Amino acid sequence: MQPYIFRFGASSHFVFNVMPPNPPRYWNANFGGLKKLRRLTRNPEVINRKVYWCFEHRYTRRTVLNFCKSNPFTRLFGSLVNLQTAEGYALSHHLSLPGPFTGFIPINEGMEHVINALANENNLEILVEFVKGHFTKDLWLHRDIVGAPTQPWLLYNEPRGAPNMLQSLACNDLTVETHGDVSKGTDYTLINNSRVLRWNMRCLNGVVHLVEKPLIAVQGDDKC
């Protein structure tokens, strides 16, 4: 922006910074800490053609069941839902509803020693109960399960209590144990004695946390 200079007489002059009638738009503001580039625009009124989303997280279209089937770490668990059967189709419909749901999904290494026993199971209701036993109702993020001494977004800064028990969709109780110190980064959480390996993998109708082994014992498995 160039200043406008007005001269009065031979020795005196004044300098004024006058804004143009149509100031350019700056869309590269770091409001809320959003520094990651999301999209480019061709609008000539935008100086650097950077656009930032106004939401905290990007929109995702995958459901919790789609995540289990498509993620390379949980494909063994996702293969238990067979859409060719009536029970599997009903379970797929249930896990595709708005929810929200929270899934504690075992990784492939933890499913290797139980997948054969589950694949040979003739009673499909036991298979459905096994899958439902790894999902809970409502949205339980990492901060909700671990708890916090403060909640600065509330009017009164009260501590957030951590739950000791969660109920799965199969009406089973899932114990929640948190050990270590959060401030030092040494904390870890056990869900039914299964350690959580990764938190907050967001889906359209909930969130998924990866655990090291199944939460429910399977008949015929020596390690459970």
Protein backbone atom coordinates (compact mmCIF):
# COMPACT_ATOMS: atom_id res chain seq x y z
CA MET A 1 0.00 0.00 0.00
CA GLN A 2 1.60 3.25 -1.17
CA PRO A 3 1.15 6.39 0.98
CA TYR A 4 -0.47 9.49 -0.46
CA ILE A 5 1.71 12.65 -0.11
CA PHE A 6 0.10 16.09 0.00
CA ARG A 7 2.31 19.18 -0.26
CA PHE A 8 1.28 22.62 1.03
CA GLY A 9 3.78 25.28 0.14
CA ALA A 10 7.44 24.88 -0.64
CA SER A 11 8.67 23.32 2.62
CA SER A 12 5.74 21.59 4.33
CA HIS A 13 4.09 18.33 3.36
CA PHE A 14 1.89 15.72 5.03
CA VAL A 15 1.87 11.95 4.49
CA PHE A 16 -1.40 9.99 4.82
CA ASN A 17 -1.89 6.22 4.55
CA VAL A 18 -5.12 5.91 2.65
CA MET A 19 -6.72 2.46 2.25
CA PRO A 20 -7.80 1.57 -1.28
CA PRO A 21 -11.55 1.36 -1.88
CA ASN A 22 -11.50 -2.47 -2.23
CA PRO A 23 -8.79 -3.89 0.08
CA PRO A 24 -7.46 -7.35 -0.89
CA ARG A 25 -8.57 -10.36 1.08
CA TYR A 26 -6.12 -12.23 3.28
CA TRP A 27 -7.24 -15.84 3.69
CA ASN A 28 -4.05 -17.12 5.27
CA ALA A 29 -4.91 -16.20 8.86
CA ASN A 30 -3.71 -18.63 11.52
CA PHE A 31 -6.84 -18.28 13.63
CA GLY A 32 -7.17 -21.16 16.08
CA GLY A 33 -3.76 -22.54 15.16
CA LEU A 34 -4.88 -23.77 11.71
CA LYS A 35 -1.51 -23.58 9.97
CA LYS A 36 -1.88 -26.59 7.71
CA LEU A 37 -2.78 -25.78 4.13
CA ARG A 38 -6.07 -27.39 3.14
CA ARG A 39 -6.95 -26.07 -0.30
CA LEU A 40 -5.79 -23.67 -3.02
CA THR A 41 -8.07 -21.13 -4.66
CA ARG A 42 -7.90 -19.26 -7.96
CA ASN A 43 -9.75 -16.24 -6.68
CA PRO A 44 -7.73 -13.22 -7.88
CA GLU A 45 -8.74 -11.23 -4.80
CA VAL A 46 -6.84 -13.66 -2.56
CA ILE A 47 -3.20 -12.61 -2.34
CA ASN A 48 -1.50 -15.96 -1.72
CA ARG A 49 -4.41 -18.21 -2.75
CA LYS A 50 -4.43 -20.11 0.54
CA VAL A 51 -7.67 -21.26 2.13
CA TYR A 52 -8.08 -22.87 5.56
CA TRP A 53 -10.96 -24.97 6.84
CA CYS A 54 -12.90 -23.46 9.71
CA PHE A 55 -13.37 -26.78 11.54
CA GLU A 56 -11.03 -28.61 13.90
CA HIS A 57 -11.02 -31.89 11.97
CA ARG A 58 -11.51 -32.73 8.32
CA TYR A 59 -14.78 -34.33 7.28
CA THR A 60 -14.58 -38.10 6.86
CA ARG A 61 -17.11 -40.41 5.23
CA ARG A 62 -15.96 -43.79 6.52
CA THR A 63 -18.01 -45.56 9.17
CA VAL A 64 -16.51 -47.55 12.02
CA LEU A 65 -17.19 -50.76 10.08
CA ASN A 66 -15.61 -49.38 6.89
CA PHE A 67 -12.56 -48.51 8.94
CA CYS A 68 -12.26 -52.07 10.28
CA LYS A 69 -12.49 -53.53 6.79
CA SER A 70 -10.20 -51.07 4.99
CA ASN A 71 -7.48 -50.35 7.54
CA PRO A 72 -4.48 -52.68 7.05
CA PHE A 73 -4.07 -53.16 10.81
CA THR A 74 -7.68 -54.28 11.46
CA ARG A 75 -8.65 -56.28 8.39
CA LEU A 76 -8.78 -59.58 10.25
CA PHE A 77 -11.34 -58.16 12.65
CA GLY A 78 -13.30 -56.59 9.79
CA SER A 79 -13.42 -59.92 7.94
CA LEU A 80 -15.61 -61.35 10.72
CA VAL A 81 -18.58 -59.33 9.42
CA ASN A 82 -19.89 -61.34 6.48
CA LEU A 83 -22.53 -59.44 4.52
CA GLN A 84 -23.66 -62.66 2.80
CA THR A 85 -25.34 -63.86 5.99
CA ALA A 86 -28.42 -62.38 7.63
CA GLU A 87 -26.59 -61.88 10.93
CA GLY A 88 -23.67 -60.14 9.25
CA TYR A 89 -25.94 -57.89 7.21
CA ALA A 90 -27.90 -56.86 10.31
CA LEU A 91 -24.65 -56.17 12.17
CA SER A 92 -23.37 -54.09 9.27
CA HIS A 93 -26.57 -52.06 9.29
CA HIS A 94 -26.32 -51.52 13.04
CA LEU A 95 -22.72 -50.27 12.86
CA SER A 96 -23.60 -47.96 9.96
CA LEU A 97 -26.21 -46.02 11.94
CA PRO A 98 -25.40 -42.47 13.15
CA GLY A 99 -24.42 -43.75 16.61
CA PRO A 100 -21.98 -42.47 17.68
CA PHE A 101 -19.98 -45.61 18.44
CA THR A 102 -16.58 -46.14 20.01
CA GLY A 103 -14.62 -49.18 18.86
CA PHE A 104 -11.71 -50.85 20.63
CA ILE A 105 -10.45 -52.89 17.71
CA PRO A 106 -7.65 -55.48 18.08
CA ILE A 107 -4.86 -55.36 15.52
CA ASN A 108 -4.07 -58.24 13.19
CA GLU A 109 -1.26 -59.61 15.39
CA GLY A 110 -3.68 -59.95 18.27
CA MET A 111 -6.35 -61.59 16.10
CA GLU A 112 -4.11 -64.23 14.53
CA HIS A 113 -4.50 -66.71 17.41
CA VAL A 114 -8.31 -66.40 17.55
CA ILE A 115 -9.29 -65.97 13.90
CA ASN A 116 -9.27 -69.73 13.21
CA ALA A 117 -11.49 -70.48 16.19
CA LEU A 118 -13.91 -67.76 15.11
CA ALA A 119 -13.88 -68.79 11.45
CA ASN A 120 -14.86 -72.35 12.40
CA GLU A 121 -17.65 -71.18 14.68
CA ASN A 122 -20.98 -72.54 13.46
CA ASN A 123 -23.07 -70.41 15.80
CA LEU A 124 -23.13 -67.01 14.11
CA GLU A 125 -24.69 -65.40 17.16
CA ILE A 126 -21.45 -65.98 19.09
CA LEU A 127 -19.57 -64.26 16.26
CA VAL A 128 -21.94 -61.29 16.36
CA GLU A 129 -21.57 -61.02 20.14
CA PHE A 130 -17.79 -61.06 19.75
CA VAL A 131 -17.88 -58.14 17.31
CA LYS A 132 -20.39 -56.17 19.37
CA GLY A 133 -18.27 -56.73 22.46
CA HIS A 134 -15.60 -54.44 20.99
CA PHE A 135 -17.94 -51.47 20.46
CA THR A 136 -19.56 -49.13 22.96
CA LYS A 137 -22.30 -46.57 22.63
CA ASP A 138 -21.48 -42.83 22.65
CA LEU A 139 -18.28 -41.07 21.72
CA TRP A 140 -15.33 -41.81 24.02
CA LEU A 141 -12.19 -39.95 22.97
CA HIS A 142 -8.80 -40.27 24.63
CA ARG A 143 -9.44 -37.24 26.84
CA ASP A 144 -12.77 -38.70 27.99
CA ILE A 145 -11.31 -42.09 28.95
CA VAL A 146 -8.11 -40.86 30.60
CA GLY A 147 -9.66 -37.85 32.34
CA ALA A 148 -8.05 -34.52 33.16
CA PRO A 149 -7.51 -32.42 36.30
CA THR A 150 -8.96 -29.34 34.57
CA GLN A 151 -11.47 -28.44 31.89
CA PRO A 152 -10.53 -24.89 30.84
CA TRP A 153 -13.41 -24.55 28.37
CA LEU A 154 -15.99 -24.66 31.18
CA LEU A 155 -17.14 -21.65 33.16
CA TYR A 156 -16.02 -23.34 36.35
CA ASN A 157 -12.75 -25.21 35.89
CA GLU A 158 -13.76 -28.60 37.25
CA PRO A 159 -11.80 -31.85 36.87
CA ARG A 160 -12.91 -34.40 34.29
CA GLY A 161 -13.51 -37.78 35.87
CA ALA A 162 -12.25 -40.92 34.14
CA PRO A 163 -14.65 -43.88 33.87
CA ASN A 164 -13.82 -47.18 35.54
CA MET A 165 -16.24 -49.23 33.46
CA LEU A 166 -17.79 -49.07 30.00
CA GLN A 167 -20.63 -51.16 28.61
CA SER A 168 -20.30 -52.73 25.18
CA LEU A 169 -23.06 -53.22 22.62
CA ALA A 170 -23.18 -56.86 23.74
CA CYS A 171 -24.04 -55.67 27.29
CA ASN A 172 -20.63 -56.75 28.60
CA ASP A 173 -18.68 -54.67 31.10
CA LEU A 174 -15.32 -53.38 29.89
CA THR A 175 -12.89 -52.39 32.63
CA VAL A 176 -10.82 -49.21 32.15
CA GLU A 177 -7.45 -48.88 33.90
CA THR A 178 -5.04 -45.97 33.41
CA HIS A 179 -1.47 -46.20 34.70
CA GLY A 180 1.51 -43.88 34.60
CA ASP A 181 1.73 -40.09 34.56
CA VAL A 182 0.05 -38.11 31.79
CA SER A 183 2.24 -35.04 32.31
CA LYS A 184 5.42 -37.10 31.85
CA GLY A 185 4.13 -39.07 28.85
CA THR A 186 4.43 -42.43 30.63
CA ASP A 187 0.71 -43.14 30.85
CA TYR A 188 -1.00 -46.11 29.23
CA THR A 189 -4.55 -47.43 29.32
CA LEU A 190 -5.85 -50.99 29.56
CA ILE A 191 -9.31 -51.94 28.31
CA ASN A 192 -10.14 -55.39 29.68
CA ASN A 193 -6.38 -55.95 30.18
CA SER A 194 -5.73 -55.04 26.54
CA ARG A 195 -3.41 -52.08 26.05
CA VAL A 196 -4.53 -49.24 23.79
CA LEU A 197 -1.94 -48.74 21.05
CA ARG A 198 -3.43 -45.82 19.13
CA TRP A 199 -6.16 -43.33 19.97
CA ASN A 200 -8.77 -41.21 18.22
CA MET A 201 -9.04 -42.57 14.69
CA ARG A 202 -12.13 -40.63 13.69
CA CYS A 203 -14.98 -41.95 11.58
CA LEU A 204 -18.29 -40.59 10.33
CA ASN A 205 -20.33 -42.24 13.09
CA GLY A 206 -17.80 -42.50 15.90
CA VAL A 207 -14.18 -43.14 16.73
CA VAL A 208 -11.87 -46.18 16.77
CA HIS A 209 -9.02 -46.99 19.15
CA LEU A 210 -6.57 -49.79 18.34
CA VAL A 211 -5.81 -52.34 21.07
CA GLU A 212 -3.22 -55.11 21.19
CA LYS A 213 -5.53 -58.13 21.67
CA PRO A 214 -9.25 -59.03 21.74
CA LEU A 215 -11.29 -57.84 24.68
CA ILE A 216 -13.36 -61.05 24.87
CA ALA A 217 -12.04 -64.55 25.47
CA VAL A 218 -12.67 -67.04 22.68
CA GLN A 219 -13.33 -70.72 23.36
CA GLY A 220 -10.50 -72.83 22.03
CA ASP A 221 -7.87 -70.10 22.36
CA ASP A 222 -4.99 -70.96 24.69
CA LYS A 223 -3.75 -67.39 25.08
CA CYS A 224 -7.00 -65.94 26.40
